[in-house]
């Protein structure tokens, strides 16, 4: 079964921990499933699984990707009013989807792991799709 939820980002680059929303989207749909797929249908956003216990990790991800892919480079992809070429490249360094095994009907994340939605062209309203496998 395919479920979805929306979220609103507040900054151009923002890492939002969405583990709770993914768990809520999976509620009642994990019987017999082996894994969950989380998918982002956007070309300027991505997903990462990373430590979620310390909020500084998300901020560090934001800063690192901004530094790795600079705004001022000589970009070829330029749309008037939508100068977002760095956003596409930053998204390419993350994942469009993550697959997480299910154990006893729950996400089999490690103790410190959480799922982050990474915005690179915000602020925007975004959609996240969640499905189960097998």
C-alpha atoms as a PDB file:
ATOM      1  CA  UNK A   1       0.000   0.000   0.000  1.00  0.00           C
ATOM      2  CA  UNK A   2       1.271   3.469  -0.905  1.00  0.00           C
ATOM      3  CA  UNK A   3       0.930   6.247   1.656  1.00  0.00           C
ATOM      4  CA  UNK A   4       2.088   9.833   1.493  1.00  0.00           C
ATOM      5  CA  UNK A   5       2.510  12.852   3.676  1.00  0.00           C
ATOM      6  CA  UNK A   6       3.415  16.468   3.098  1.00  0.00           C
ATOM      7  CA  UNK A   7       5.865  18.632   4.930  1.00  0.00           C
ATOM      8  CA  UNK A   8       6.755  22.289   4.767  1.00  0.00           C
ATOM      9  CA  UNK A   9      10.367  23.406   4.761  1.00  0.00           C
ATOM     10  CA  UNK A  10      11.415  26.788   6.099  1.00  0.00           C
ATOM     11  CA  UNK A  11      14.854  27.387   4.580  1.00  0.00           C
ATOM     12  CA  UNK A  12      16.615  26.955   1.238  1.00  0.00           C
ATOM     13  CA  UNK A  13      18.748  24.154   2.697  1.00  0.00           C
ATOM     14  CA  UNK A  14      17.214  22.200   5.553  1.00  0.00           C
ATOM     15  CA  UNK A  15      17.528  18.690   6.972  1.00  0.00           C
ATOM     16  CA  UNK A  16      14.262  17.631   8.643  1.00  0.00           C
ATOM     17  CA  UNK A  17      14.067  14.446  10.672  1.00  0.00           C
ATOM     18  CA  UNK A  18      10.949  12.596   9.431  1.00  0.00           C
ATOM     19  CA  UNK A  19      11.211   9.215  11.189  1.00  0.00           C
ATOM     20  CA  UNK A  20       8.007   9.782  13.173  1.00  0.00           C
ATOM     21  CA  UNK A  21       6.029  10.748  10.053  1.00  0.00           C
ATOM     22  CA  UNK A  22       7.303   7.624   8.247  1.00  0.00           C
ATOM     23  CA  UNK A  23       6.265   5.423  11.181  1.00  0.00           C
ATOM     24  CA  UNK A  24       2.821   7.054  11.184  1.00  0.00           C
ATOM     25  CA  UNK A  25       2.480   6.504   7.426  1.00  0.00           C
ATOM     26  CA  UNK A  26       3.313   2.815   7.901  1.00  0.00           C
ATOM     27  CA  UNK A  27       0.798   2.283  10.727  1.00  0.00           C
ATOM     28  CA  UNK A  28      -1.591  -0.526   9.855  1.00  0.00           C
ATOM     29  CA  UNK A  29       0.150  -1.493   6.614  1.00  0.00           C
ATOM     30  CA  UNK A  30       3.126  -3.633   7.671  1.00  0.00           C
ATOM     31  CA  UNK A  31       1.495  -7.074   8.048  1.00  0.00           C
ATOM     32  CA  UNK A  32       3.833  -9.527   6.326  1.00  0.00           C
ATOM     33  CA  UNK A  33       6.007  -6.757   4.888  1.00  0.00           C
ATOM     34  CA  UNK A  34       9.775  -7.197   4.843  1.00  0.00           C
ATOM     35  CA  UNK A  35      10.821  -3.586   4.289  1.00  0.00           C
ATOM     36  CA  UNK A  36       9.645  -0.018   3.890  1.00  0.00           C
ATOM     37  CA  UNK A  37      10.543   2.222   0.969  1.00  0.00           C
ATOM     38  CA  UNK A  38      10.613   5.970   1.508  1.00  0.00           C
ATOM     39  CA  UNK A  39      10.644   7.959  -1.750  1.00  0.00           C
ATOM     40  CA  UNK A  40      11.002  11.655  -2.544  1.00  0.00           C
ATOM     41  CA  UNK A  41       9.478  12.662  -5.927  1.00  0.00           C
ATOM     42  CA  UNK A  42      11.515  15.871  -6.209  1.00  0.00           C
ATOM     43  CA  UNK A  43      14.715  16.750  -8.094  1.00  0.00           C
ATOM     44  CA  UNK A  44      15.938  19.301  -5.557  1.00  0.00           C
ATOM     45  CA  UNK A  45      15.443  17.257  -2.384  1.00  0.00           C
ATOM     46  CA  UNK A  46      16.701  13.964  -1.029  1.00  0.00           C
ATOM     47  CA  UNK A  47      16.847  11.519   1.854  1.00  0.00           C
ATOM     48  CA  UNK A  48      19.570  10.316   4.194  1.00  0.00           C
ATOM     49  CA  UNK A  49      19.639   7.955   7.164  1.00  0.00           C
ATOM     50  CA  UNK A  50      21.833   9.444   9.848  1.00  0.00           C
ATOM     51  CA  UNK A  51      22.129  10.064  13.592  1.00  0.00           C
ATOM     52  CA  UNK A  52      19.026  11.763  14.927  1.00  0.00           C
ATOM     53  CA  UNK A  53      19.733  11.934  18.668  1.00  0.00           C
ATOM     54  CA  UNK A  54      21.662  15.198  18.334  1.00  0.00           C
ATOM     55  CA  UNK A  55      19.921  17.961  16.300  1.00  0.00           C
ATOM     56  CA  UNK A  56      23.356  19.351  15.424  1.00  0.00           C
ATOM     57  CA  UNK A  57      23.851  16.457  12.982  1.00  0.00           C
ATOM     58  CA  UNK A  58      21.078  17.770  10.722  1.00  0.00           C
ATOM     59  CA  UNK A  59      22.545  21.270  10.797  1.00  0.00           C
ATOM     60  CA  UNK A  60      25.986  19.847  10.009  1.00  0.00           C
ATOM     61  CA  UNK A  61      24.554  18.011   6.990  1.00  0.00           C
ATOM     62  CA  UNK A  62      23.022  21.282   5.774  1.00  0.00           C
ATOM     63  CA  UNK A  63      26.272  23.230   6.132  1.00  0.00           C
ATOM     64  CA  UNK A  64      28.438  20.520   4.627  1.00  0.00           C
ATOM     65  CA  UNK A  65      26.334  20.172   1.474  1.00  0.00           C
ATOM     66  CA  UNK A  66      26.240  23.956   1.047  1.00  0.00           C
ATOM     67  CA  UNK A  67      30.052  24.022   1.235  1.00  0.00           C
ATOM     68  CA  UNK A  68      30.603  20.997  -0.985  1.00  0.00           C
ATOM     69  CA  UNK A  69      28.416  22.494  -3.741  1.00  0.00           C
ATOM     70  CA  UNK A  70      28.858  26.273  -3.868  1.00  0.00           C
ATOM     71  CA  UNK A  71      26.224  28.740  -5.045  1.00  0.00           C
ATOM     72  CA  UNK A  72      28.665  30.873  -7.031  1.00  0.00           C
ATOM     73  CA  UNK A  73      30.005  28.306  -9.453  1.00  0.00           C
ATOM     74  CA  UNK A  74      29.575  28.817 -13.215  1.00  0.00           C
ATOM     75  CA  UNK A  75      26.335  26.872 -13.516  1.00  0.00           C
ATOM     76  CA  UNK A  76      24.865  26.073 -16.940  1.00  0.00           C
ATOM     77  CA  UNK A  77      21.365  25.190 -15.706  1.00  0.00           C
ATOM     78  CA  UNK A  78      19.895  28.648 -15.221  1.00  0.00           C
ATOM     79  CA  UNK A  79      16.170  29.314 -15.356  1.00  0.00           C
ATOM     80  CA  UNK A  80      15.124  32.933 -14.859  1.00  0.00           C
ATOM     81  CA  UNK A  81      13.869  33.286 -11.294  1.00  0.00           C
ATOM     82  CA  UNK A  82      14.790  29.661 -10.522  1.00  0.00           C
ATOM     83  CA  UNK A  83      18.559  29.747 -10.054  1.00  0.00           C
ATOM     84  CA  UNK A  84      18.650  26.324  -8.465  1.00  0.00           C
ATOM     85  CA  UNK A  85      21.427  24.394 -10.214  1.00  0.00           C
ATOM     86  CA  UNK A  86      23.276  23.874  -6.899  1.00  0.00           C
ATOM     87  CA  UNK A  87      20.062  22.404  -5.462  1.00  0.00           C
ATOM     88  CA  UNK A  88      19.986  19.696  -8.139  1.00  0.00           C
ATOM     89  CA  UNK A  89      23.626  18.769  -7.510  1.00  0.00           C
ATOM     90  CA  UNK A  90      23.166  18.675  -3.724  1.00  0.00           C
ATOM     91  CA  UNK A  91      20.147  16.401  -4.192  1.00  0.00           C
ATOM     92  CA  UNK A  92      22.256  14.122  -6.405  1.00  0.00           C
ATOM     93  CA  UNK A  93      24.627  13.621  -3.454  1.00  0.00           C
ATOM     94  CA  UNK A  94      21.788  12.282  -1.315  1.00  0.00           C
ATOM     95  CA  UNK A  95      19.255   9.558  -2.192  1.00  0.00           C
ATOM     96  CA  UNK A  96      15.870   9.724  -3.883  1.00  0.00           C
ATOM     97  CA  UNK A  97      14.776   6.726  -1.815  1.00  0.00           C
ATOM     98  CA  UNK A  98      15.807   4.626   1.154  1.00  0.00           C
ATOM     99  CA  UNK A  99      14.835   1.022   1.882  1.00  0.00           C
ATOM    100  CA  UNK A 100      14.626   0.084   5.555  1.00  0.00           C
ATOM    101  CA  UNK A 101      14.015  -3.498   6.725  1.00  0.00           C
ATOM    102  CA  UNK A 102      11.101  -4.124   9.062  1.00  0.00           C
ATOM    103  CA  UNK A 103      11.557  -6.168  12.225  1.00  0.00           C
ATOM    104  CA  UNK A 104       8.411  -7.109  14.124  1.00  0.00           C
ATOM    105  CA  UNK A 105       6.441  -4.532  12.166  1.00  0.00           C
ATOM    106  CA  UNK A 106       8.831  -1.703  13.085  1.00  0.00           C
ATOM    107  CA  UNK A 107      11.561   0.108  11.172  1.00  0.00           C
ATOM    108  CA  UNK A 108      14.809  -1.753  11.881  1.00  0.00           C
ATOM    109  CA  UNK A 109      16.807   1.420  12.351  1.00  0.00           C
ATOM    110  CA  UNK A 110      19.853   1.413  14.597  1.00  0.00           C
ATOM    111  CA  UNK A 111      19.682   3.039  18.015  1.00  0.00           C
ATOM    112  CA  UNK A 112      20.951   6.395  16.770  1.00  0.00           C
ATOM    113  CA  UNK A 113      19.530   6.336  13.241  1.00  0.00           C
ATOM    114  CA  UNK A 114      16.762   8.517  11.894  1.00  0.00           C
ATOM    115  CA  UNK A 115      15.429   9.380   8.440  1.00  0.00           C
ATOM    116  CA  UNK A 116      16.100  12.906   7.223  1.00  0.00           C
ATOM    117  CA  UNK A 117      14.362  14.761   4.406  1.00  0.00           C
ATOM    118  CA  UNK A 118      16.926  17.105   2.867  1.00  0.00           C
ATOM    119  CA  UNK A 119      15.599  20.278   1.246  1.00  0.00           C
ATOM    120  CA  UNK A 120      17.868  22.138  -1.151  1.00  0.00           C
ATOM    121  CA  UNK A 121      15.442  24.558  -2.867  1.00  0.00           C
ATOM    122  CA  UNK A 122      13.143  25.774  -0.126  1.00  0.00           C
ATOM    123  CA  UNK A 123      11.108  26.923   1.440  1.00  0.00           C
ATOM    124  CA  UNK A 124       8.524  24.654  -0.174  1.00  0.00           C
ATOM    125  CA  UNK A 125       5.740  22.201   0.510  1.00  0.00           C
ATOM    126  CA  UNK A 126       7.052  18.710  -0.282  1.00  0.00           C
ATOM    127  CA  UNK A 127       5.631  15.223  -0.597  1.00  0.00           C
ATOM    128  CA  UNK A 128       7.118  12.009   0.790  1.00  0.00           C
ATOM    129  CA  UNK A 129       5.820   8.615  -0.370  1.00  0.00           C
ATOM    130  CA  UNK A 130       6.024   5.519   1.832  1.00  0.00           C
ATOM    131  CA  UNK A 131       5.338   1.916   0.707  1.00  0.00           C
ATOM    132  CA  UNK A 132       5.988  -1.575   1.993  1.00  0.00           C
ATOM    133  CA  UNK A 133       7.719  -4.434   0.184  1.00  0.00           C
ATOM    134  CA  UNK A 134       7.003  -8.136   0.332  1.00  0.00           C
END
